[in-house]
N, C-alpha and C. Protein backbone atom coordinates (compact mmCIF):
# COMPACT_ATOMS: atom_id res chain seq x y z
N MET A 1 126.52 -114.91 -161.89
CA MET A 1 125.87 -115.65 -162.95
C MET A 1 126.25 -115.03 -164.30
N ARG A 2 126.35 -115.88 -165.31
CA ARG A 2 126.67 -115.39 -166.65
C ARG A 2 125.55 -114.49 -167.16
N LYS A 3 125.92 -113.54 -168.01
CA LYS A 3 124.93 -112.64 -168.59
C LYS A 3 124.63 -113.05 -170.03
N LEU A 4 123.38 -112.81 -170.42
CA LEU A 4 122.99 -112.93 -171.83
C LEU A 4 123.07 -111.54 -172.41
N VAL A 5 123.92 -111.37 -173.42
CA VAL A 5 124.21 -110.06 -174.00
C VAL A 5 123.87 -110.07 -175.49
N TYR A 6 122.99 -109.17 -175.88
CA TYR A 6 122.65 -109.01 -177.30
C TYR A 6 123.58 -107.98 -177.87
N TYR A 7 124.60 -108.44 -178.60
CA TYR A 7 125.60 -107.59 -179.24
C TYR A 7 125.29 -107.59 -180.72
N VAL A 8 124.86 -106.43 -181.24
CA VAL A 8 124.29 -106.41 -182.59
C VAL A 8 124.49 -105.05 -183.24
N GLY A 9 124.54 -105.03 -184.56
CA GLY A 9 124.57 -103.80 -185.33
C GLY A 9 123.18 -103.51 -185.87
N ALA A 10 122.79 -102.23 -185.90
CA ALA A 10 121.44 -101.87 -186.35
C ALA A 10 121.46 -100.53 -187.07
N SER A 11 120.49 -100.39 -187.96
CA SER A 11 120.29 -99.10 -188.64
C SER A 11 119.61 -98.13 -187.68
N ILE A 12 119.52 -96.86 -188.09
CA ILE A 12 118.86 -95.84 -187.26
C ILE A 12 117.43 -96.26 -186.94
N ASP A 13 116.76 -96.92 -187.89
CA ASP A 13 115.37 -97.31 -187.67
C ASP A 13 115.23 -98.72 -187.10
N GLY A 14 116.32 -99.27 -186.57
CA GLY A 14 116.23 -100.50 -185.80
C GLY A 14 116.25 -101.81 -186.55
N TYR A 15 116.81 -101.83 -187.76
CA TYR A 15 116.89 -103.09 -188.52
C TYR A 15 118.31 -103.64 -188.48
N ILE A 16 118.41 -104.95 -188.27
CA ILE A 16 119.72 -105.60 -188.19
C ILE A 16 120.12 -106.26 -189.51
N ALA A 17 119.18 -106.34 -190.44
CA ALA A 17 119.44 -106.88 -191.78
C ALA A 17 118.34 -106.41 -192.71
N GLY A 18 118.62 -106.48 -194.00
CA GLY A 18 117.63 -106.11 -195.00
C GLY A 18 116.61 -107.22 -195.19
N PRO A 19 115.64 -107.03 -196.08
CA PRO A 19 114.58 -108.01 -196.31
C PRO A 19 115.08 -109.39 -196.73
N ASP A 20 116.23 -109.45 -197.38
CA ASP A 20 116.80 -110.73 -197.81
C ASP A 20 118.01 -111.14 -196.97
N GLY A 21 118.11 -110.57 -195.76
CA GLY A 21 119.22 -110.90 -194.87
C GLY A 21 120.49 -110.13 -195.12
N GLN A 22 120.48 -109.20 -196.05
CA GLN A 22 121.69 -108.47 -196.40
C GLN A 22 122.10 -107.49 -195.29
N SER A 23 123.43 -107.31 -195.17
CA SER A 23 123.96 -106.36 -194.19
C SER A 23 125.00 -105.45 -194.82
N ASP A 24 125.16 -105.53 -196.14
CA ASP A 24 126.18 -104.75 -196.82
C ASP A 24 125.80 -103.27 -196.98
N PHE A 25 124.63 -102.90 -196.51
CA PHE A 25 124.22 -101.49 -196.61
C PHE A 25 124.68 -100.67 -195.41
N PHE A 26 125.25 -101.31 -194.39
CA PHE A 26 125.74 -100.57 -193.23
C PHE A 26 127.01 -99.81 -193.62
N PRO A 27 127.03 -98.48 -193.45
CA PRO A 27 128.22 -97.71 -193.82
C PRO A 27 129.29 -97.76 -192.73
N PHE A 28 130.54 -97.87 -193.16
CA PHE A 28 131.65 -97.92 -192.21
C PHE A 28 132.58 -96.73 -192.33
N GLY A 29 132.30 -95.80 -193.26
CA GLY A 29 133.17 -94.65 -193.46
C GLY A 29 134.28 -94.96 -194.43
N GLY A 30 135.29 -94.09 -194.47
CA GLY A 30 136.44 -94.28 -195.35
C GLY A 30 137.32 -95.40 -194.85
N GLU A 31 138.32 -95.74 -195.63
CA GLU A 31 139.20 -96.87 -195.31
C GLU A 31 139.87 -96.71 -193.95
N LYS A 32 140.41 -95.52 -193.68
CA LYS A 32 141.08 -95.27 -192.40
C LYS A 32 140.09 -95.31 -191.25
N GLN A 33 138.92 -94.68 -191.44
CA GLN A 33 137.90 -94.68 -190.39
C GLN A 33 137.42 -96.10 -190.10
N ASP A 34 137.20 -96.88 -191.15
CA ASP A 34 136.76 -98.27 -190.99
C ASP A 34 137.81 -99.07 -190.25
N ALA A 35 139.06 -98.90 -190.61
CA ALA A 35 140.15 -99.65 -189.97
C ALA A 35 140.25 -99.32 -188.49
N GLU A 36 140.15 -98.03 -188.16
CA GLU A 36 140.23 -97.62 -186.75
C GLU A 36 139.06 -98.17 -185.94
N TYR A 37 137.87 -98.09 -186.52
CA TYR A 37 136.67 -98.61 -185.86
C TYR A 37 136.78 -100.12 -185.66
N SER A 38 137.13 -100.85 -186.71
CA SER A 38 137.24 -102.31 -186.63
C SER A 38 138.29 -102.74 -185.61
N GLU A 39 139.42 -102.04 -185.60
CA GLU A 39 140.48 -102.37 -184.65
C GLU A 39 140.00 -102.18 -183.22
N TRP A 40 139.28 -101.10 -182.97
CA TRP A 40 138.76 -100.82 -181.62
C TRP A 40 137.77 -101.90 -181.20
N VAL A 41 136.83 -102.23 -182.07
CA VAL A 41 135.81 -103.23 -181.75
C VAL A 41 136.43 -104.61 -181.59
N ASN A 42 137.31 -104.99 -182.53
CA ASN A 42 137.90 -106.33 -182.49
C ASN A 42 138.80 -106.55 -181.27
N ALA A 43 139.41 -105.48 -180.76
CA ALA A 43 140.23 -105.61 -179.56
C ALA A 43 139.37 -105.94 -178.34
N ARG A 44 138.14 -105.46 -178.33
CA ARG A 44 137.24 -105.69 -177.19
C ARG A 44 136.41 -106.97 -177.32
N TYR A 45 136.03 -107.31 -178.54
CA TYR A 45 135.17 -108.47 -178.77
C TYR A 45 135.72 -109.34 -179.91
N PRO A 46 136.96 -109.84 -179.78
CA PRO A 46 137.55 -110.61 -180.88
C PRO A 46 136.78 -111.88 -181.21
N GLU A 47 136.13 -112.45 -180.21
CA GLU A 47 135.41 -113.71 -180.43
C GLU A 47 134.19 -113.56 -181.31
N THR A 48 133.72 -112.33 -181.53
CA THR A 48 132.54 -112.11 -182.38
C THR A 48 132.90 -112.09 -183.87
N VAL A 49 134.18 -112.18 -184.17
CA VAL A 49 134.62 -112.27 -185.57
C VAL A 49 134.59 -113.76 -185.96
N PRO A 50 133.87 -114.10 -187.03
CA PRO A 50 133.80 -115.51 -187.43
C PRO A 50 135.20 -116.11 -187.65
N THR A 51 135.33 -117.38 -187.34
CA THR A 51 136.61 -118.08 -187.41
C THR A 51 137.31 -117.88 -188.76
N VAL A 52 136.57 -117.98 -189.84
CA VAL A 52 137.16 -117.88 -191.17
C VAL A 52 137.72 -116.47 -191.45
N MET A 53 137.22 -115.44 -190.75
CA MET A 53 137.68 -114.07 -190.97
C MET A 53 138.76 -113.63 -189.98
N ARG A 54 139.05 -114.46 -189.00
CA ARG A 54 140.02 -114.08 -187.97
C ARG A 54 141.45 -113.86 -188.51
N PRO A 55 141.93 -114.66 -189.47
CA PRO A 55 143.27 -114.40 -189.99
C PRO A 55 143.42 -113.00 -190.61
N GLN A 56 142.46 -112.59 -191.45
CA GLN A 56 142.58 -111.28 -192.08
C GLN A 56 142.39 -110.14 -191.08
N ALA A 57 141.75 -110.42 -189.94
CA ALA A 57 141.58 -109.40 -188.89
C ALA A 57 142.73 -109.42 -187.90
N GLY A 58 143.71 -110.30 -188.11
CA GLY A 58 144.85 -110.39 -187.20
C GLY A 58 144.48 -110.99 -185.85
N LEU A 59 143.50 -111.89 -185.83
CA LEU A 59 142.99 -112.42 -184.57
C LEU A 59 143.23 -113.92 -184.39
N VAL A 60 144.11 -114.50 -185.18
CA VAL A 60 144.40 -115.92 -185.02
C VAL A 60 144.98 -116.14 -183.63
N GLY A 61 144.36 -117.02 -182.88
CA GLY A 61 144.84 -117.32 -181.52
C GLY A 61 144.44 -116.29 -180.48
N ALA A 62 143.71 -115.24 -180.87
CA ALA A 62 143.29 -114.23 -179.88
C ALA A 62 142.32 -114.87 -178.90
N PRO A 63 142.53 -114.66 -177.60
CA PRO A 63 141.62 -115.25 -176.61
C PRO A 63 140.26 -114.55 -176.61
N ASN A 64 139.25 -115.29 -176.21
CA ASN A 64 137.91 -114.70 -176.06
C ASN A 64 137.94 -113.74 -174.88
N GLN A 65 137.50 -112.51 -175.11
CA GLN A 65 137.53 -111.49 -174.07
C GLN A 65 136.26 -111.49 -173.22
N ARG A 66 135.11 -111.58 -173.86
CA ARG A 66 133.84 -111.39 -173.15
C ARG A 66 132.94 -112.62 -173.21
N PHE A 67 132.91 -113.32 -174.35
CA PHE A 67 131.98 -114.42 -174.57
C PHE A 67 132.70 -115.74 -174.83
N ASP A 68 132.09 -116.84 -174.36
CA ASP A 68 132.60 -118.16 -174.73
C ASP A 68 131.52 -119.03 -175.36
N THR A 69 130.31 -118.46 -175.49
CA THR A 69 129.16 -119.17 -176.04
C THR A 69 128.39 -118.22 -176.94
N VAL A 70 127.93 -118.73 -178.09
CA VAL A 70 127.12 -117.92 -178.99
C VAL A 70 125.79 -118.64 -179.23
N VAL A 71 124.70 -117.87 -179.18
CA VAL A 71 123.36 -118.38 -179.48
C VAL A 71 122.83 -117.56 -180.65
N MET A 72 122.38 -118.26 -181.69
CA MET A 72 121.90 -117.56 -182.88
C MET A 72 120.67 -118.26 -183.44
N GLY A 73 119.84 -117.49 -184.13
CA GLY A 73 118.71 -118.05 -184.83
C GLY A 73 119.16 -118.59 -186.18
N LEU A 74 118.28 -119.30 -186.84
CA LEU A 74 118.62 -119.88 -188.14
C LEU A 74 118.97 -118.80 -189.17
N GLY A 75 118.28 -117.65 -189.10
CA GLY A 75 118.57 -116.56 -190.04
C GLY A 75 119.99 -116.03 -189.90
N SER A 76 120.54 -116.08 -188.69
CA SER A 76 121.93 -115.64 -188.47
C SER A 76 122.93 -116.73 -188.85
N TYR A 77 122.51 -117.97 -188.74
CA TYR A 77 123.37 -119.11 -189.05
C TYR A 77 123.40 -119.43 -190.55
N GLN A 78 122.29 -119.21 -191.23
CA GLN A 78 122.14 -119.62 -192.63
C GLN A 78 123.18 -119.02 -193.57
N PRO A 79 123.57 -117.74 -193.44
CA PRO A 79 124.59 -117.21 -194.35
C PRO A 79 125.90 -117.99 -194.31
N ALA A 80 126.30 -118.46 -193.12
CA ALA A 80 127.51 -119.27 -193.02
C ALA A 80 127.30 -120.61 -193.72
N LEU A 81 126.14 -121.23 -193.48
CA LEU A 81 125.84 -122.50 -194.15
C LEU A 81 125.86 -122.34 -195.67
N ASN A 82 125.30 -121.24 -196.16
CA ASN A 82 125.26 -120.99 -197.61
C ASN A 82 126.66 -120.88 -198.21
N GLN A 83 127.64 -120.51 -197.38
CA GLN A 83 129.02 -120.41 -197.85
C GLN A 83 129.82 -121.67 -197.56
N GLY A 84 129.13 -122.73 -197.10
CA GLY A 84 129.80 -123.99 -196.80
C GLY A 84 130.56 -123.98 -195.49
N ILE A 85 130.11 -123.13 -194.55
CA ILE A 85 130.76 -123.02 -193.24
C ILE A 85 129.76 -123.49 -192.17
N PRO A 86 129.77 -124.77 -191.81
CA PRO A 86 128.80 -125.27 -190.84
C PRO A 86 129.13 -124.95 -189.38
N SER A 87 130.35 -124.46 -189.12
CA SER A 87 130.77 -124.09 -187.76
C SER A 87 131.42 -122.72 -187.80
N PRO A 88 130.61 -121.64 -187.82
CA PRO A 88 131.17 -120.30 -188.04
C PRO A 88 132.00 -119.74 -186.89
N TYR A 89 131.78 -120.23 -185.67
CA TYR A 89 132.51 -119.71 -184.50
C TYR A 89 133.16 -120.88 -183.76
N LYS A 90 134.14 -121.50 -184.40
CA LYS A 90 134.79 -122.69 -183.84
C LYS A 90 135.44 -122.43 -182.49
N HIS A 91 135.73 -121.19 -182.21
CA HIS A 91 136.41 -120.80 -180.98
C HIS A 91 135.43 -120.58 -179.81
N MET A 92 134.14 -120.89 -180.03
CA MET A 92 133.13 -120.77 -178.97
C MET A 92 132.19 -121.97 -179.02
N ARG A 93 131.43 -122.17 -177.95
CA ARG A 93 130.32 -123.12 -177.99
C ARG A 93 129.22 -122.47 -178.82
N GLN A 94 128.62 -123.23 -179.74
CA GLN A 94 127.66 -122.67 -180.69
C GLN A 94 126.31 -123.37 -180.58
N TYR A 95 125.27 -122.55 -180.45
CA TYR A 95 123.90 -123.04 -180.40
C TYR A 95 123.09 -122.33 -181.47
N VAL A 96 122.29 -123.10 -182.21
CA VAL A 96 121.37 -122.54 -183.19
C VAL A 96 119.96 -122.88 -182.73
N VAL A 97 119.14 -121.85 -182.57
CA VAL A 97 117.74 -122.05 -182.20
C VAL A 97 116.93 -122.15 -183.48
N SER A 98 116.33 -123.32 -183.69
CA SER A 98 115.55 -123.53 -184.91
C SER A 98 114.58 -124.69 -184.71
N SER A 99 113.38 -124.52 -185.26
CA SER A 99 112.40 -125.61 -185.24
C SER A 99 112.37 -126.33 -186.58
N SER A 100 113.12 -125.82 -187.56
CA SER A 100 113.07 -126.41 -188.91
C SER A 100 114.39 -127.03 -189.36
N LEU A 101 115.51 -126.69 -188.72
CA LEU A 101 116.82 -127.19 -189.19
C LEU A 101 116.96 -128.69 -188.96
N GLY A 102 116.36 -129.19 -187.89
CA GLY A 102 116.46 -130.62 -187.60
C GLY A 102 117.72 -130.96 -186.86
N HIS A 103 118.78 -131.33 -187.56
CA HIS A 103 120.04 -131.69 -186.92
C HIS A 103 121.14 -130.72 -187.34
N ALA A 104 122.18 -130.67 -186.53
CA ALA A 104 123.31 -129.79 -186.84
C ALA A 104 124.18 -130.42 -187.92
N PRO A 105 124.59 -129.64 -188.92
CA PRO A 105 125.47 -130.18 -189.96
C PRO A 105 126.92 -130.29 -189.51
N ASP A 106 127.21 -129.93 -188.26
CA ASP A 106 128.56 -130.00 -187.73
C ASP A 106 128.47 -130.39 -186.25
N PRO A 107 129.32 -131.30 -185.77
CA PRO A 107 129.23 -131.72 -184.37
C PRO A 107 129.54 -130.61 -183.37
N ALA A 108 130.17 -129.53 -183.80
CA ALA A 108 130.48 -128.42 -182.90
C ALA A 108 129.29 -127.48 -182.71
N VAL A 109 128.19 -127.72 -183.43
CA VAL A 109 127.00 -126.88 -183.35
C VAL A 109 125.85 -127.70 -182.79
N THR A 110 125.13 -127.13 -181.83
CA THR A 110 123.97 -127.78 -181.25
C THR A 110 122.72 -127.05 -181.69
N VAL A 111 121.77 -127.78 -182.24
CA VAL A 111 120.49 -127.21 -182.65
C VAL A 111 119.48 -127.49 -181.55
N ILE A 112 118.74 -126.47 -181.18
CA ILE A 112 117.77 -126.60 -180.09
C ILE A 112 116.51 -125.81 -180.44
N GLY A 113 115.37 -126.24 -179.95
CA GLY A 113 114.11 -125.59 -180.28
C GLY A 113 113.56 -124.69 -179.21
N ASP A 114 114.04 -124.80 -177.97
CA ASP A 114 113.51 -124.03 -176.83
C ASP A 114 114.51 -122.95 -176.41
N PRO A 115 114.38 -121.73 -176.94
CA PRO A 115 115.37 -120.71 -176.62
C PRO A 115 115.39 -120.30 -175.15
N LEU A 116 114.22 -120.18 -174.52
CA LEU A 116 114.20 -119.77 -173.11
C LEU A 116 114.85 -120.83 -172.23
N GLY A 117 114.52 -122.09 -172.46
CA GLY A 117 115.12 -123.16 -171.68
C GLY A 117 116.63 -123.20 -171.86
N LEU A 118 117.08 -123.03 -173.10
CA LEU A 118 118.52 -123.03 -173.39
C LEU A 118 119.22 -121.90 -172.64
N VAL A 119 118.70 -120.70 -172.78
CA VAL A 119 119.34 -119.53 -172.17
C VAL A 119 119.36 -119.65 -170.65
N ARG A 120 118.28 -120.08 -170.06
CA ARG A 120 118.24 -120.22 -168.60
C ARG A 120 119.25 -121.26 -168.12
N SER A 121 119.38 -122.33 -168.87
CA SER A 121 120.35 -123.37 -168.52
C SER A 121 121.78 -122.85 -168.66
N LEU A 122 122.08 -122.17 -169.76
CA LEU A 122 123.43 -121.65 -169.99
C LEU A 122 123.81 -120.61 -168.94
N LYS A 123 122.86 -119.79 -168.51
CA LYS A 123 123.17 -118.75 -167.54
C LYS A 123 123.55 -119.32 -166.17
N LYS A 124 123.14 -120.55 -165.89
CA LYS A 124 123.47 -121.19 -164.61
C LYS A 124 124.87 -121.79 -164.61
N GLU A 125 125.45 -121.95 -165.78
CA GLU A 125 126.78 -122.54 -165.88
C GLU A 125 127.85 -121.51 -165.54
N LYS A 126 129.05 -122.00 -165.26
CA LYS A 126 130.19 -121.11 -165.06
C LYS A 126 130.81 -120.83 -166.41
N GLY A 127 131.39 -119.66 -166.54
CA GLY A 127 132.05 -119.31 -167.78
C GLY A 127 131.88 -117.84 -168.09
N LYS A 128 132.31 -117.48 -169.29
CA LYS A 128 132.15 -116.10 -169.75
C LYS A 128 130.70 -115.88 -170.15
N ASP A 129 130.38 -114.66 -170.53
CA ASP A 129 129.01 -114.33 -170.90
C ASP A 129 128.60 -115.01 -172.20
N ILE A 130 127.29 -114.95 -172.48
CA ILE A 130 126.67 -115.59 -173.64
C ILE A 130 126.32 -114.51 -174.65
N TRP A 131 126.78 -114.67 -175.86
CA TRP A 131 126.50 -113.71 -176.92
C TRP A 131 125.25 -114.14 -177.68
N LEU A 132 124.23 -113.31 -177.61
CA LEU A 132 123.06 -113.48 -178.46
C LEU A 132 123.39 -112.77 -179.76
N CYS A 133 123.62 -113.54 -180.80
CA CYS A 133 124.12 -113.03 -182.08
C CYS A 133 122.98 -112.53 -182.97
N GLY A 134 121.80 -113.01 -182.78
CA GLY A 134 120.65 -112.63 -183.60
C GLY A 134 119.88 -113.88 -183.95
N GLY A 135 118.75 -113.70 -184.51
CA GLY A 135 118.14 -112.51 -185.04
C GLY A 135 117.05 -111.93 -184.17
N GLY A 136 116.23 -111.11 -184.84
CA GLY A 136 115.22 -110.34 -184.15
C GLY A 136 114.14 -111.17 -183.48
N ARG A 137 113.72 -112.24 -184.14
CA ARG A 137 112.67 -113.09 -183.55
C ARG A 137 113.21 -113.79 -182.31
N LEU A 138 114.45 -114.29 -182.39
CA LEU A 138 115.08 -114.93 -181.24
C LEU A 138 115.24 -113.93 -180.11
N ALA A 139 115.71 -112.73 -180.42
CA ALA A 139 115.88 -111.69 -179.38
C ALA A 139 114.55 -111.38 -178.72
N GLY A 140 113.48 -111.30 -179.51
CA GLY A 140 112.16 -111.04 -178.94
C GLY A 140 111.70 -112.16 -178.03
N SER A 141 112.06 -113.39 -178.36
CA SER A 141 111.60 -114.54 -177.56
C SER A 141 112.36 -114.68 -176.24
N VAL A 142 113.55 -114.11 -176.13
CA VAL A 142 114.32 -114.20 -174.88
C VAL A 142 114.50 -112.84 -174.21
N LEU A 143 113.66 -111.89 -174.58
CA LEU A 143 113.77 -110.53 -174.04
C LEU A 143 113.80 -110.52 -172.52
N THR A 144 113.00 -111.36 -171.88
CA THR A 144 112.94 -111.38 -170.40
C THR A 144 114.24 -111.86 -169.78
N GLU A 145 115.09 -112.53 -170.55
CA GLU A 145 116.36 -113.04 -170.04
C GLU A 145 117.56 -112.18 -170.41
N LEU A 146 117.34 -111.15 -171.24
CA LEU A 146 118.45 -110.30 -171.66
C LEU A 146 118.94 -109.45 -170.49
N ASP A 147 120.23 -109.49 -170.25
CA ASP A 147 120.83 -108.71 -169.18
C ASP A 147 121.47 -107.42 -169.69
N GLU A 148 121.92 -107.46 -170.93
CA GLU A 148 122.65 -106.31 -171.46
C GLU A 148 122.48 -106.24 -172.97
N LEU A 149 122.49 -105.05 -173.49
CA LEU A 149 122.50 -104.80 -174.93
C LEU A 149 123.77 -104.04 -175.27
N ILE A 150 124.39 -104.41 -176.36
CA ILE A 150 125.50 -103.63 -176.92
C ILE A 150 125.09 -103.38 -178.36
N VAL A 151 124.69 -102.14 -178.66
CA VAL A 151 124.11 -101.82 -179.95
C VAL A 151 125.05 -100.91 -180.74
N LYS A 152 125.50 -101.42 -181.88
CA LYS A 152 126.29 -100.61 -182.81
C LYS A 152 125.29 -99.95 -183.75
N SER A 153 125.14 -98.64 -183.65
CA SER A 153 124.16 -97.90 -184.46
C SER A 153 124.85 -97.28 -185.67
N TYR A 154 124.39 -97.68 -186.86
CA TYR A 154 124.98 -97.19 -188.10
C TYR A 154 124.12 -96.07 -188.68
N PRO A 155 124.74 -95.04 -189.26
CA PRO A 155 124.01 -93.86 -189.74
C PRO A 155 123.32 -94.10 -191.08
N VAL A 156 122.32 -94.98 -191.07
CA VAL A 156 121.57 -95.29 -192.28
C VAL A 156 120.16 -95.71 -191.88
N VAL A 157 119.18 -95.34 -192.69
CA VAL A 157 117.81 -95.81 -192.50
C VAL A 157 117.60 -96.95 -193.49
N ALA A 158 117.21 -98.13 -192.99
CA ALA A 158 117.00 -99.29 -193.85
C ALA A 158 115.61 -99.26 -194.47
N GLY A 159 114.61 -98.85 -193.71
CA GLY A 159 113.25 -98.79 -194.23
C GLY A 159 112.49 -100.09 -194.17
N GLY A 160 113.17 -101.19 -193.90
CA GLY A 160 112.53 -102.50 -193.80
C GLY A 160 113.57 -103.58 -193.63
N GLY A 161 113.12 -104.77 -193.30
CA GLY A 161 114.04 -105.88 -193.12
C GLY A 161 113.78 -106.61 -191.82
N THR A 162 114.84 -107.09 -191.20
CA THR A 162 114.75 -107.82 -189.94
C THR A 162 114.90 -106.84 -188.79
N PRO A 163 113.87 -106.68 -187.95
CA PRO A 163 113.98 -105.75 -186.83
C PRO A 163 114.89 -106.30 -185.74
N MET A 164 115.44 -105.41 -184.95
CA MET A 164 116.31 -105.81 -183.85
C MET A 164 115.56 -106.71 -182.86
N PHE A 165 114.30 -106.42 -182.64
CA PHE A 165 113.43 -107.26 -181.80
C PHE A 165 112.15 -107.50 -182.57
N ASP A 166 111.72 -108.75 -182.62
CA ASP A 166 110.48 -109.10 -183.28
C ASP A 166 109.68 -109.98 -182.32
N GLY A 167 108.65 -109.41 -181.75
CA GLY A 167 107.83 -110.14 -180.79
C GLY A 167 106.63 -109.32 -180.42
N PRO A 168 105.89 -109.76 -179.42
CA PRO A 168 104.70 -109.02 -179.01
C PRO A 168 105.07 -107.70 -178.33
N PHE A 169 104.12 -106.80 -178.28
CA PHE A 169 104.31 -105.52 -177.60
C PHE A 169 104.59 -105.81 -176.12
N ASP A 170 105.76 -105.42 -175.66
CA ASP A 170 106.17 -105.70 -174.29
C ASP A 170 107.24 -104.69 -173.88
N PRO A 171 106.87 -103.44 -173.56
CA PRO A 171 107.86 -102.42 -173.20
C PRO A 171 108.78 -102.91 -172.07
N THR A 172 110.06 -102.93 -172.34
CA THR A 172 111.06 -103.43 -171.40
C THR A 172 112.15 -102.38 -171.26
N ARG A 173 112.38 -101.92 -170.03
CA ARG A 173 113.32 -100.82 -169.80
C ARG A 173 114.76 -101.28 -169.70
N PHE A 174 115.64 -100.51 -170.33
CA PHE A 174 117.08 -100.67 -170.22
C PHE A 174 117.66 -99.30 -169.92
N SER A 175 118.79 -99.25 -169.21
CA SER A 175 119.46 -97.99 -168.90
C SER A 175 120.80 -97.93 -169.61
N VAL A 176 121.11 -96.79 -170.18
CA VAL A 176 122.40 -96.59 -170.85
C VAL A 176 123.49 -96.52 -169.80
N THR A 177 124.54 -97.32 -169.98
CA THR A 177 125.68 -97.28 -169.06
C THR A 177 126.88 -96.58 -169.69
N THR A 178 127.06 -96.72 -171.00
CA THR A 178 128.19 -96.11 -171.70
C THR A 178 127.81 -95.89 -173.16
N ARG A 179 128.46 -94.91 -173.77
CA ARG A 179 128.26 -94.69 -175.20
C ARG A 179 129.57 -94.19 -175.79
N GLU A 180 129.93 -94.74 -176.93
CA GLU A 180 131.14 -94.33 -177.66
C GLU A 180 130.75 -93.90 -179.06
N SER A 181 131.38 -92.83 -179.55
CA SER A 181 131.17 -92.37 -180.92
C SER A 181 132.48 -92.49 -181.69
N PHE A 182 132.35 -92.76 -182.98
CA PHE A 182 133.53 -92.98 -183.82
C PHE A 182 133.53 -92.02 -185.00
N ALA A 183 134.69 -91.85 -185.61
CA ALA A 183 134.85 -90.90 -186.71
C ALA A 183 134.01 -91.29 -187.93
N ASN A 184 133.61 -92.55 -188.04
CA ASN A 184 132.79 -92.99 -189.17
C ASN A 184 131.30 -92.83 -188.88
N ASP A 185 130.96 -92.09 -187.82
CA ASP A 185 129.59 -91.78 -187.41
C ASP A 185 128.83 -92.96 -186.83
N VAL A 186 129.52 -94.04 -186.54
CA VAL A 186 128.91 -95.17 -185.83
C VAL A 186 128.98 -94.86 -184.34
N THR A 187 127.93 -95.22 -183.62
CA THR A 187 127.95 -95.12 -182.16
C THR A 187 127.70 -96.51 -181.59
N ILE A 188 128.33 -96.78 -180.46
CA ILE A 188 128.07 -98.02 -179.73
C ILE A 188 127.52 -97.63 -178.37
N THR A 189 126.38 -98.24 -178.03
CA THR A 189 125.73 -97.95 -176.76
C THR A 189 125.61 -99.24 -175.96
N TRP A 190 126.04 -99.17 -174.71
CA TRP A 190 125.90 -100.29 -173.78
C TRP A 190 124.72 -99.98 -172.87
N LEU A 191 123.82 -100.94 -172.73
CA LEU A 191 122.64 -100.76 -171.89
C LEU A 191 122.46 -101.98 -171.00
N LYS A 192 121.98 -101.77 -169.78
CA LYS A 192 121.71 -102.90 -168.89
C LYS A 192 120.22 -102.94 -168.62
N ALA A 193 119.71 -104.14 -168.38
CA ALA A 193 118.30 -104.34 -168.10
C ALA A 193 117.93 -103.74 -166.76
N ASP A 194 116.79 -103.09 -166.68
CA ASP A 194 116.31 -102.50 -165.43
C ASP A 194 115.44 -103.53 -164.70
N ARG A 195 116.10 -104.43 -164.00
CA ARG A 195 115.34 -105.40 -163.18
C ARG A 195 116.17 -105.85 -162.01
């Protein structure tokens, strides 16, 4: 069965974005360190690079390695819309979970209001894994369906903003399977659900 994987970047204190959705506070190190880190990550998860940024990342025509479907909340989708990009991941099936968006501004994007129903249905299909792109409220609402976490931890304390998980108190165990450290002080941790 396909896995639902929350692949996300977070601050030391667990925030995936600032109070206004900003993510430019995440440090990447010097130019060489950033390039090495980006090259390593993009080689493993090229499909997580938005379509419009793929040419500058050298990923035009790169096949999807891990995911063929992306599920995101409105907060994760809105920055692309604000830039006039209604289909940010044209190389994948795209779902936006929202009760307020109404209809999709692009036929390649499906808007849905029931995240649990969507995820359970997608997991029964054949294909590559499903990328839960964010945000925190959506992640909290599908916590029981998460199979794996891939957390890029950046060496910065945000102090506030969008938490990685936003939901009721519900301690849920995950086990670390792998961890990588990079010269720019970013660590990536892979965790699987204990169930």
